[in-house]
Amino acid sequence: MKLKKGDKVVVIAGKEKGKTGTIIRVLTERNMVVLDKMNLAKKHRRATATTRKGQIVDIAMPIHVSNVMFADPKDGKPTRLKITRKDGARTRVAVKSGQEL
């Protein structure tokens, strides 16, 4: 998977289509990513004995990696990534602008 934690991505499918967000977690075994404050679901939390009160909280749910694309650092539009080798080190390059990441 070419996407990493902290990358800016654009959602290209689903209920959040067109929105831009930051990856906060990558689930490689399921090919999914969790975006900051996107694809929210309600979760009922039970109160613990002393520290936490019962409440309904919003939690960010995973989105399949095929439904997001990397946001080009130059203009913010969706682009693909390619991996190039420079002196034995792998670098990611945005296809649309050619800018290294």
PDB file of N, CA and C in Angstrom:
ATOM      1  N   MET A   1       0.843  -1.173   0.000  1.00  0.00           N
ATOM      2  CA  MET A   1       0.000   0.000   0.000  1.00  0.00           C
ATOM      3  C   MET A   1       0.894   1.243   0.000  1.00  0.00           C
ATOM      4  N   LYS A   2       0.601   2.190  -0.864  1.00  0.00           N
ATOM      5  CA  LYS A   2       1.457   3.362  -1.017  1.00  0.00           C
ATOM      6  C   LYS A   2       1.074   4.509  -0.093  1.00  0.00           C
ATOM      7  N   LEU A   3      -0.101   4.435   0.533  1.00  0.00           N
ATOM      8  CA  LEU A   3      -0.539   5.499   1.437  1.00  0.00           C
ATOM      9  C   LEU A   3       0.001   5.244   2.836  1.00  0.00           C
ATOM     10  N   LYS A   4       0.319   6.343   3.537  1.00  0.00           N
ATOM     11  CA  LYS A   4       0.883   6.246   4.879  1.00  0.00           C
ATOM     12  C   LYS A   4       0.134   7.164   5.828  1.00  0.00           C
ATOM     13  N   LYS A   5       0.354   6.952   7.107  1.00  0.00           N
ATOM     14  CA  LYS A   5      -0.243   7.798   8.137  1.00  0.00           C
ATOM     15  C   LYS A   5       0.252   9.234   7.953  1.00  0.00           C
ATOM     16  N   GLY A   6      -0.675  10.188   8.016  1.00  0.00           N
ATOM     17  CA  GLY A   6      -0.329  11.593   7.867  1.00  0.00           C
ATOM     18  C   GLY A   6      -0.510  12.136   6.463  1.00  0.00           C
ATOM     19  N   ASP A   7      -0.778  11.266   5.482  1.00  0.00           N
ATOM     20  CA  ASP A   7      -0.986  11.711   4.102  1.00  0.00           C
ATOM     21  C   ASP A   7      -2.330  12.418   3.959  1.00  0.00           C
ATOM     22  N   LYS A   8      -2.362  13.430   3.096  1.00  0.00           N
ATOM     23  CA  LYS A   8      -3.610  14.100   2.737  1.00  0.00           C
ATOM     24  C   LYS A   8      -4.220  13.337   1.571  1.00  0.00           C
ATOM     25  N   VAL A   9      -5.498  12.964   1.708  1.00  0.00           N
ATOM     26  CA  VAL A   9      -6.176  12.212   0.666  1.00  0.00           C
ATOM     27  C   VAL A   9      -7.518  12.846   0.351  1.00  0.00           C
ATOM     28  N   VAL A  10      -8.041  12.520  -0.852  1.00  0.00           N
ATOM     29  CA  VAL A  10      -9.358  12.968  -1.298  1.00  0.00           C
ATOM     30  C   VAL A  10     -10.232  11.729  -1.410  1.00  0.00           C
ATOM     31  N   VAL A  11     -11.442  11.780  -0.835  1.00  0.00           N
ATOM     32  CA  VAL A  11     -12.374  10.662  -0.929  1.00  0.00           C
ATOM     33  C   VAL A  11     -13.042  10.736  -2.298  1.00  0.00           C
ATOM     34  N   ILE A  12     -12.999   9.636  -3.068  1.00  0.00           N
ATOM     35  CA  ILE A  12     -13.536   9.646  -4.427  1.00  0.00           C
ATOM     36  C   ILE A  12     -14.824   8.850  -4.561  1.00  0.00           C
ATOM     37  N   ALA A  13     -15.251   8.160  -3.492  1.00  0.00           N
ATOM     38  CA  ALA A  13     -16.493   7.384  -3.541  1.00  0.00           C
ATOM     39  C   ALA A  13     -17.082   7.278  -2.142  1.00  0.00           C
ATOM     40  N   GLY A  14     -18.399   7.146  -2.080  1.00  0.00           N
ATOM     41  CA  GLY A  14     -19.073   6.971  -0.798  1.00  0.00           C
ATOM     42  C   GLY A  14     -19.737   8.248  -0.335  1.00  0.00           C
ATOM     43  N   LYS A  15     -20.237   8.232   0.899  1.00  0.00           N
ATOM     44  CA  LYS A  15     -21.006   9.364   1.409  1.00  0.00           C
ATOM     45  C   LYS A  15     -20.147  10.603   1.679  1.00  0.00           C
ATOM     46  N   GLU A  16     -18.851  10.442   1.791  1.00  0.00           N
ATOM     47  CA  GLU A  16     -17.935  11.562   2.036  1.00  0.00           C
ATOM     48  C   GLU A  16     -17.243  12.022   0.751  1.00  0.00           C
ATOM     49  N   LYS A  17     -17.785  11.658  -0.417  1.00  0.00           N
ATOM     50  CA  LYS A  17     -17.153  11.932  -1.709  1.00  0.00           C
ATOM     51  C   LYS A  17     -16.851  13.422  -1.876  1.00  0.00           C
ATOM     52  N   GLY A  18     -15.609  13.715  -2.329  1.00  0.00           N
ATOM     53  CA  GLY A  18     -15.195  15.086  -2.577  1.00  0.00           C
ATOM     54  C   GLY A  18     -14.491  15.751  -1.411  1.00  0.00           C
ATOM     55  N   LYS A  19     -14.557  15.177  -0.227  1.00  0.00           N
ATOM     56  CA  LYS A  19     -13.925  15.771   0.952  1.00  0.00           C
ATOM     57  C   LYS A  19     -12.455  15.376   1.029  1.00  0.00           C
ATOM     58  N   THR A  20     -11.671  16.245   1.647  1.00  0.00           N
ATOM     59  CA  THR A  20     -10.244  16.009   1.836  1.00  0.00           C
ATOM     60  C   THR A  20      -9.971  15.801   3.315  1.00  0.00           C
ATOM     61  N   GLY A  21      -9.128  14.825   3.637  1.00  0.00           N
ATOM     62  CA  GLY A  21      -8.802  14.556   5.032  1.00  0.00           C
ATOM     63  C   GLY A  21      -7.414  13.971   5.179  1.00  0.00           C
ATOM     64  N   THR A  22      -7.027  13.778   6.427  1.00  0.00           N
ATOM     65  CA  THR A  22      -5.711  13.247   6.758  1.00  0.00           C
ATOM     66  C   THR A  22      -5.856  11.829   7.299  1.00  0.00           C
ATOM     67  N   ILE A  23      -4.970  10.945   6.880  1.00  0.00           N
ATOM     68  CA  ILE A  23      -4.991   9.570   7.369  1.00  0.00           C
ATOM     69  C   ILE A  23      -4.453   9.543   8.792  1.00  0.00           C
ATOM     70  N   ILE A  24      -5.238   8.959   9.715  1.00  0.00           N
ATOM     71  CA  ILE A  24      -4.771   8.838  11.098  1.00  0.00           C
ATOM     72  C   ILE A  24      -4.380   7.404  11.453  1.00  0.00           C
ATOM     73  N   ARG A  25      -4.812   6.445  10.612  1.00  0.00           N
ATOM     74  CA  ARG A  25      -4.471   5.046  10.865  1.00  0.00           C
ATOM     75  C   ARG A  25      -4.569   4.262   9.566  1.00  0.00           C
ATOM     76  N   VAL A  26      -3.655   3.318   9.351  1.00  0.00           N
ATOM     77  CA  VAL A  26      -3.658   2.475   8.160  1.00  0.00           C
ATOM     78  C   VAL A  26      -3.822   1.029   8.607  1.00  0.00           C
ATOM     79  N   LEU A  27      -4.834   0.340   8.058  1.00  0.00           N
ATOM     80  CA  LEU A  27      -5.078  -1.063   8.367  1.00  0.00           C
ATOM     81  C   LEU A  27      -4.660  -1.883   7.144  1.00  0.00           C
ATOM     82  N   THR A  28      -3.397  -2.284   7.089  1.00  0.00           N
ATOM     83  CA  THR A  28      -2.845  -2.924   5.899  1.00  0.00           C
ATOM     84  C   THR A  28      -3.453  -4.298   5.650  1.00  0.00           C
ATOM     85  N   GLU A  29      -3.763  -5.043   6.704  1.00  0.00           N
ATOM     86  CA  GLU A  29      -4.293  -6.390   6.516  1.00  0.00           C
ATOM     87  C   GLU A  29      -5.697  -6.378   5.918  1.00  0.00           C
ATOM     88  N   ARG A  30      -6.441  -5.263   6.092  1.00  0.00           N
ATOM     89  CA  ARG A  30      -7.794  -5.140   5.543  1.00  0.00           C
ATOM     90  C   ARG A  30      -7.869  -4.162   4.375  1.00  0.00           C
ATOM     91  N   ASN A  31      -6.728  -3.574   3.969  1.00  0.00           N
ATOM     92  CA  ASN A  31      -6.671  -2.572   2.899  1.00  0.00           C
ATOM     93  C   ASN A  31      -7.617  -1.410   3.171  1.00  0.00           C
ATOM     94  N   MET A  32      -7.573  -0.884   4.381  1.00  0.00           N
ATOM     95  CA  MET A  32      -8.445   0.218   4.773  1.00  0.00           C
ATOM     96  C   MET A  32      -7.635   1.310   5.460  1.00  0.00           C
ATOM     97  N   VAL A  33      -8.200   2.518   5.435  1.00  0.00           N
ATOM     98  CA  VAL A  33      -7.595   3.653   6.133  1.00  0.00           C
ATOM     99  C   VAL A  33      -8.673   4.334   6.968  1.00  0.00           C
ATOM    100  N   VAL A  34      -8.240   4.971   8.065  1.00  0.00           N
ATOM    101  CA  VAL A  34      -9.144   5.745   8.908  1.00  0.00           C
ATOM    102  C   VAL A  34      -8.760   7.204   8.733  1.00  0.00           C
ATOM    103  N   LEU A  35      -9.740   8.035   8.366  1.00  0.00           N
ATOM    104  CA  LEU A  35      -9.499   9.452   8.138  1.00  0.00           C
ATOM    105  C   LEU A  35      -9.995  10.268   9.317  1.00  0.00           C
ATOM    106  N   ASP A  36      -9.328  11.381   9.560  1.00  0.00           N
ATOM    107  CA  ASP A  36      -9.662  12.247  10.680  1.00  0.00           C
ATOM    108  C   ASP A  36     -11.034  12.893  10.470  1.00  0.00           C
ATOM    109  N   LYS A  37     -11.968  12.646  11.393  1.00  0.00           N
ATOM    110  CA  LYS A  37     -13.310  13.240  11.406  1.00  0.00           C
ATOM    111  C   LYS A  37     -14.103  12.958  10.138  1.00  0.00           C
ATOM    112  N   MET A  38     -13.955  11.737   9.586  1.00  0.00           N
ATOM    113  CA  MET A  38     -14.727  11.342   8.407  1.00  0.00           C
ATOM    114  C   MET A  38     -15.273   9.947   8.595  1.00  0.00           C
ATOM    115  N   ASN A  39     -16.377   9.657   7.908  1.00  0.00           N
ATOM    116  CA  ASN A  39     -17.062   8.373   7.987  1.00  0.00           C
ATOM    117  C   ASN A  39     -17.387   8.050   9.445  1.00  0.00           C
ATOM    118  N   LEU A  40     -18.044   8.988  10.116  1.00  0.00           N
ATOM    119  CA  LEU A  40     -18.321   8.869  11.543  1.00  0.00           C
ATOM    120  C   LEU A  40     -19.511   7.957  11.805  1.00  0.00           C
ATOM    121  N   ALA A  41     -19.441   7.211  12.903  1.00  0.00           N
ATOM    122  CA  ALA A  41     -20.531   6.362  13.368  1.00  0.00           C
ATOM    123  C   ALA A  41     -20.736   6.647  14.856  1.00  0.00           C
ATOM    124  N   LYS A  42     -21.954   6.425  15.324  1.00  0.00           N
ATOM    125  CA  LYS A  42     -22.261   6.626  16.743  1.00  0.00           C
ATOM    126  C   LYS A  42     -21.897   5.369  17.517  1.00  0.00           C
ATOM    127  N   LYS A  43     -21.233   5.549  18.670  1.00  0.00           N
ATOM    128  CA  LYS A  43     -20.883   4.422  19.518  1.00  0.00           C
ATOM    129  C   LYS A  43     -21.390   4.709  20.923  1.00  0.00           C
ATOM    130  N   HIS A  44     -22.095   3.763  21.494  1.00  0.00           N
ATOM    131  CA  HIS A  44     -22.608   3.906  22.848  1.00  0.00           C
ATOM    132  C   HIS A  44     -21.550   3.398  23.812  1.00  0.00           C
ATOM    133  N   ARG A  45     -21.085   4.289  24.708  1.00  0.00           N
ATOM    134  CA  ARG A  45     -20.062   3.910  25.682  1.00  0.00           C
ATOM    135  C   ARG A  45     -20.711   3.690  27.037  1.00  0.00           C
ATOM    136  N   ARG A  46     -20.394   2.578  27.634  1.00  0.00           N
ATOM    137  CA  ARG A  46     -20.930   2.256  28.947  1.00  0.00           C
ATOM    138  C   ARG A  46     -20.142   3.008  30.020  1.00  0.00           C
ATOM    139  N   ALA A  47     -20.822   3.412  31.057  1.00  0.00           N
ATOM    140  CA  ALA A  47     -20.162   4.094  32.163  1.00  0.00           C
ATOM    141  C   ALA A  47     -19.337   3.096  32.965  1.00  0.00           C
ATOM    142  N   THR A  48     -18.135   3.518  33.358  1.00  0.00           N
ATOM    143  CA  THR A  48     -17.330   2.690  34.250  1.00  0.00           C
ATOM    144  C   THR A  48     -17.647   3.107  35.680  1.00  0.00           C
ATOM    145  N   ALA A  49     -17.083   2.405  36.616  1.00  0.00           N
ATOM    146  CA  ALA A  49     -17.442   2.629  38.019  1.00  0.00           C
ATOM    147  C   ALA A  49     -17.160   4.052  38.487  1.00  0.00           C
ATOM    148  N   THR A  50     -15.999   4.592  38.130  1.00  0.00           N
ATOM    149  CA  THR A  50     -15.657   5.898  38.688  1.00  0.00           C
ATOM    150  C   THR A  50     -15.241   6.931  37.654  1.00  0.00           C
ATOM    151  N   THR A  51     -14.567   6.508  36.611  1.00  0.00           N
ATOM    152  CA  THR A  51     -13.894   7.498  35.771  1.00  0.00           C
ATOM    153  C   THR A  51     -14.706   8.016  34.598  1.00  0.00           C
ATOM    154  N   ARG A  52     -15.541   7.197  33.980  1.00  0.00           N
ATOM    155  CA  ARG A  52     -16.165   7.593  32.723  1.00  0.00           C
ATOM    156  C   ARG A  52     -17.676   7.516  32.837  1.00  0.00           C
ATOM    157  N   LYS A  53     -18.365   8.512  32.274  1.00  0.00           N
ATOM    158  CA  LYS A  53     -19.821   8.461  32.283  1.00  0.00           C
ATOM    159  C   LYS A  53     -20.320   7.885  30.967  1.00  0.00           C
ATOM    160  N   GLY A  54     -21.505   7.308  30.990  1.00  0.00           N
ATOM    161  CA  GLY A  54     -22.078   6.736  29.797  1.00  0.00           C
ATOM    162  C   GLY A  54     -22.487   7.823  28.819  1.00  0.00           C
ATOM    163  N   GLN A  55     -22.185   7.622  27.539  1.00  0.00           N
ATOM    164  CA  GLN A  55     -22.506   8.640  26.539  1.00  0.00           C
ATOM    165  C   GLN A  55     -22.463   8.043  25.138  1.00  0.00           C
ATOM    166  N   ILE A  56     -22.932   8.815  24.182  1.00  0.00           N
ATOM    167  CA  ILE A  56     -22.855   8.427  22.777  1.00  0.00           C
ATOM    168  C   ILE A  56     -21.769   9.276  22.140  1.00  0.00           C
ATOM    169  N   VAL A  57     -20.770   8.625  21.548  1.00  0.00           N
ATOM    170  CA  VAL A  57     -19.642   9.349  20.951  1.00  0.00           C
ATOM    171  C   VAL A  57     -19.569   9.039  19.465  1.00  0.00           C
ATOM    172  N   ASP A  58     -18.995   9.967  18.701  1.00  0.00           N
ATOM    173  CA  ASP A  58     -18.739   9.751  17.279  1.00  0.00           C
ATOM    174  C   ASP A  58     -17.361   9.133  17.131  1.00  0.00           C
ATOM    175  N   ILE A  59     -17.281   8.063  16.339  1.00  0.00           N
ATOM    176  CA  ILE A  59     -16.004   7.390  16.119  1.00  0.00           C
ATOM    177  C   ILE A  59     -15.781   7.271  14.613  1.00  0.00           C
ATOM    178  N   ALA A  60     -14.546   7.533  14.158  1.00  0.00           N
ATOM    179  CA  ALA A  60     -14.202   7.449  12.735  1.00  0.00           C
ATOM    180  C   ALA A  60     -14.042   5.989  12.350  1.00  0.00           C
ATOM    181  N   MET A  61     -14.768   5.581  11.316  1.00  0.00           N
ATOM    182  CA  MET A  61     -14.729   4.200  10.843  1.00  0.00           C
ATOM    183  C   MET A  61     -13.814   4.099   9.614  1.00  0.00           C
ATOM    184  N   PRO A  62     -13.289   2.898   9.331  1.00  0.00           N
ATOM    185  CA  PRO A  62     -12.378   2.733   8.202  1.00  0.00           C
ATOM    186  C   PRO A  62     -13.070   2.889   6.844  1.00  0.00           C
ATOM    187  N   ILE A  63     -12.307   3.350   5.863  1.00  0.00           N
ATOM    188  CA  ILE A  63     -12.747   3.463   4.472  1.00  0.00           C
ATOM    189  C   ILE A  63     -11.785   2.619   3.642  1.00  0.00           C
ATOM    190  N   HIS A  64     -12.316   1.893   2.663  1.00  0.00           N
ATOM    191  CA  HIS A  64     -11.448   1.068   1.823  1.00  0.00           C
ATOM    192  C   HIS A  64     -10.509   1.962   1.017  1.00  0.00           C
ATOM    193  N   VAL A  65      -9.285   1.505   0.854  1.00  0.00           N
ATOM    194  CA  VAL A  65      -8.244   2.305   0.211  1.00  0.00           C
ATOM    195  C   VAL A  65      -8.578   2.608  -1.254  1.00  0.00           C
ATOM    196  N   SER A  66      -9.427   1.803  -1.885  1.00  0.00           N
ATOM    197  CA  SER A  66      -9.803   2.064  -3.273  1.00  0.00           C
ATOM    198  C   SER A  66     -10.739   3.257  -3.392  1.00  0.00           C
ATOM    199  N   ASN A  67     -11.304   3.723  -2.281  1.00  0.00           N
ATOM    200  CA  ASN A  67     -12.226   4.852  -2.304  1.00  0.00           C
ATOM    201  C   ASN A  67     -11.548   6.178  -1.973  1.00  0.00           C
ATOM    202  N   VAL A  68     -10.234   6.184  -1.811  1.00  0.00           N
ATOM    203  CA  VAL A  68      -9.492   7.418  -1.560  1.00  0.00           C
ATOM    204  C   VAL A  68      -8.323   7.507  -2.528  1.00  0.00           C
ATOM    205  N   MET A  69      -7.923   8.744  -2.845  1.00  0.00           N
ATOM    206  CA  MET A  69      -6.738   8.978  -3.667  1.00  0.00           C
ATOM    207  C   MET A  69      -5.876  10.034  -2.993  1.00  0.00           C
ATOM    208  N   PHE A  70      -4.596   9.932  -3.196  1.00  0.00           N
ATOM    209  CA  PHE A  70      -3.648  10.887  -2.635  1.00  0.00           C
ATOM    210  C   PHE A  70      -3.934  12.280  -3.197  1.00  0.00           C
ATOM    211  N   ALA A  71      -3.875  13.305  -2.350  1.00  0.00           N
ATOM    212  CA  ALA A  71      -4.071  14.688  -2.791  1.00  0.00           C
ATOM    213  C   ALA A  71      -2.736  15.260  -3.237  1.00  0.00           C
ATOM    214  N   ASP A  72      -2.697  15.777  -4.460  1.00  0.00           N
ATOM    215  CA  ASP A  72      -1.472  16.347  -5.021  1.00  0.00           C
ATOM    216  C   ASP A  72      -1.014  17.520  -4.157  1.00  0.00           C
ATOM    217  N   PRO A  73       0.261  17.555  -3.745  1.00  0.00           N
ATOM    218  CA  PRO A  73       0.740  18.643  -2.892  1.00  0.00           C
ATOM    219  C   PRO A  73       0.695  20.007  -3.578  1.00  0.00           C
ATOM    220  N   LYS A  74       0.683  20.030  -4.907  1.00  0.00           N
ATOM    221  CA  LYS A  74       0.689  21.297  -5.631  1.00  0.00           C
ATOM    222  C   LYS A  74      -0.686  21.948  -5.670  1.00  0.00           C
ATOM    223  N   ASP A  75      -1.729  21.174  -6.063  1.00  0.00           N
ATOM    224  CA  ASP A  75      -3.057  21.781  -6.226  1.00  0.00           C
ATOM    225  C   ASP A  75      -4.156  21.108  -5.411  1.00  0.00           C
ATOM    226  N   GLY A  76      -3.865  20.025  -4.700  1.00  0.00           N
ATOM    227  CA  GLY A  76      -4.855  19.381  -3.850  1.00  0.00           C
ATOM    228  C   GLY A  76      -5.815  18.456  -4.564  1.00  0.00           C
ATOM    229  N   LYS A  77      -5.648  18.270  -5.860  1.00  0.00           N
ATOM    230  CA  LYS A  77      -6.527  17.383  -6.617  1.00  0.00           C
ATOM    231  C   LYS A  77      -6.030  15.939  -6.508  1.00  0.00           C
ATOM    232  N   PRO A  78      -6.916  14.950  -6.746  1.00  0.00           N
ATOM    233  CA  PRO A  78      -6.492  13.556  -6.627  1.00  0.00           C
ATOM    234  C   PRO A  78      -5.443  13.170  -7.668  1.00  0.00           C
ATOM    235  N   THR A  79      -4.483  12.376  -7.236  1.00  0.00           N
ATOM    236  CA  THR A  79      -3.441  11.895  -8.128  1.00  0.00           C
ATOM    237  C   THR A  79      -3.005  10.504  -7.693  1.00  0.00           C
ATOM    238  N   ARG A  80      -2.348   9.795  -8.604  1.00  0.00           N
ATOM    239  CA  ARG A  80      -1.771   8.508  -8.265  1.00  0.00           C
ATOM    240  C   ARG A  80      -0.349   8.701  -7.769  1.00  0.00           C
ATOM    241  N   LEU A  81       0.192   7.678  -7.147  1.00  0.00           N
ATOM    242  CA  LEU A  81       1.564   7.705  -6.659  1.00  0.00           C
ATOM    243  C   LEU A  81       2.383   6.653  -7.391  1.00  0.00           C
ATOM    244  N   LYS A  82       3.647   6.976  -7.634  1.00  0.00           N
ATOM    245  CA  LYS A  82       4.559   5.966  -8.163  1.00  0.00           C
ATOM    246  C   LYS A  82       5.791   5.950  -7.275  1.00  0.00           C
ATOM    247  N   ILE A  83       6.439   4.805  -7.244  1.00  0.00           N
ATOM    248  CA  ILE A  83       7.626   4.635  -6.410  1.00  0.00           C
ATOM    249  C   ILE A  83       8.838   4.598  -7.322  1.00  0.00           C
ATOM    250  N   THR A  84       9.788   5.480  -7.042  1.00  0.00           N
ATOM    251  CA  THR A  84      11.022   5.495  -7.820  1.00  0.00           C
ATOM    252  C   THR A  84      12.185   5.210  -6.883  1.00  0.00           C
ATOM    253  N   ARG A  85      13.260   4.711  -7.454  1.00  0.00           N
ATOM    254  CA  ARG A  85      14.457   4.427  -6.661  1.00  0.00           C
ATOM    255  C   ARG A  85      15.529   5.459  -6.996  1.00  0.00           C
ATOM    256  N   LYS A  86      16.059   6.060  -5.957  1.00  0.00           N
ATOM    257  CA  LYS A  86      17.123   7.035  -6.114  1.00  0.00           C
ATOM    258  C   LYS A  86      18.228   6.672  -5.130  1.00  0.00           C
ATOM    259  N   ASP A  87      19.359   6.241  -5.645  1.00  0.00           N
ATOM    260  CA  ASP A  87      20.505   5.804  -4.826  1.00  0.00           C
ATOM    261  C   ASP A  87      20.113   4.673  -3.875  1.00  0.00           C
ATOM    262  N   GLY A  88      19.267   3.769  -4.331  1.00  0.00           N
ATOM    263  CA  GLY A  88      18.865   2.627  -3.515  1.00  0.00           C
ATOM    264  C   GLY A  88      17.731   2.910  -2.548  1.00  0.00           C
ATOM    265  N   ALA A  89      17.320   4.155  -2.422  1.00  0.00           N
ATOM    266  CA  ALA A  89      16.224   4.506  -1.514  1.00  0.00           C
ATOM    267  C   ALA A  89      14.938   4.683  -2.307  1.00  0.00           C
ATOM    268  N   ARG A  90      13.843   4.199  -1.745  1.00  0.00           N
ATOM    269  CA  ARG A  90      12.550   4.346  -2.400  1.00  0.00           C
ATOM    270  C   ARG A  90      11.966   5.712  -2.078  1.00  0.00           C
ATOM    271  N   THR A  91      11.476   6.404  -3.100  1.00  0.00           N
ATOM    272  CA  THR A  91      10.801   7.680  -2.885  1.00  0.00           C
ATOM    273  C   THR A  91       9.462   7.647  -3.585  1.00  0.00           C
ATOM    274  N   ARG A  92       8.464   8.272  -2.974  1.00  0.00           N
ATOM    275  CA  ARG A  92       7.142   8.356  -3.586  1.00  0.00           C
ATOM    276  C   ARG A  92       7.048   9.655  -4.384  1.00  0.00           C
ATOM    277  N   VAL A  93       6.448   9.556  -5.559  1.00  0.00           N
ATOM    278  CA  VAL A  93       6.337  10.707  -6.461  1.00  0.00           C
ATOM    279  C   VAL A  93       4.878  10.819  -6.910  1.00  0.00           C
ATOM    280  N   ALA A  94       4.323  12.035  -6.859  1.00  0.00           N
ATOM    281  CA  ALA A  94       2.980  12.280  -7.358  1.00  0.00           C
ATOM    282  C   ALA A  94       3.023  12.264  -8.889  1.00  0.00           C
ATOM    283  N   VAL A  95       2.144  11.476  -9.505  1.00  0.00           N
ATOM    284  CA  VAL A  95       2.169  11.310 -10.960  1.00  0.00           C
ATOM    285  C   VAL A  95       1.775  12.606 -11.664  1.00  0.00           C
ATOM    286  N   LYS A  96       0.776  13.314 -11.142  1.00  0.00           N
ATOM    287  CA  LYS A  96       0.231  14.504 -11.827  1.00  0.00           C
ATOM    288  C   LYS A  96       1.256  15.642 -11.880  1.00  0.00           C
ATOM    289  N   SER A  97       1.902  15.936 -10.749  1.00  0.00           N
ATOM    290  CA  SER A  97       2.818  17.078 -10.719  1.00  0.00           C
ATOM    291  C   SER A  97       4.288  16.676 -10.804  1.00  0.00           C
ATOM    292  N   GLY A  98       4.611  15.407 -10.527  1.00  0.00           N
ATOM    293  CA  GLY A  98       5.995  14.965 -10.530  1.00  0.00           C
ATOM    294  C   GLY A  98       6.763  15.360  -9.291  1.00  0.00           C
ATOM    295  N   GLN A  99       6.066  15.812  -8.278  1.00  0.00           N
ATOM    296  CA  GLN A  99       6.709  16.286  -7.045  1.00  0.00           C
ATOM    297  C   GLN A  99       7.006  15.116  -6.116  1.00  0.00           C
ATOM    298  N   GLU A 100       8.201  15.111  -5.535  1.00  0.00           N
ATOM    299  CA  GLU A 100       8.585  14.074  -4.579  1.00  0.00           C
ATOM    300  C   GLU A 100       7.939  14.351  -3.234  1.00  0.00           C
ATOM    301  N   LEU A 101       7.689  13.264  -2.480  1.00  0.00           N
ATOM    302  CA  LEU A 101       7.042  13.407  -1.180  1.00  0.00           C
ATOM    303  C   LEU A 101       8.016  13.076  -0.071  1.00  0.00           C
TER     304      LEU A 101
END
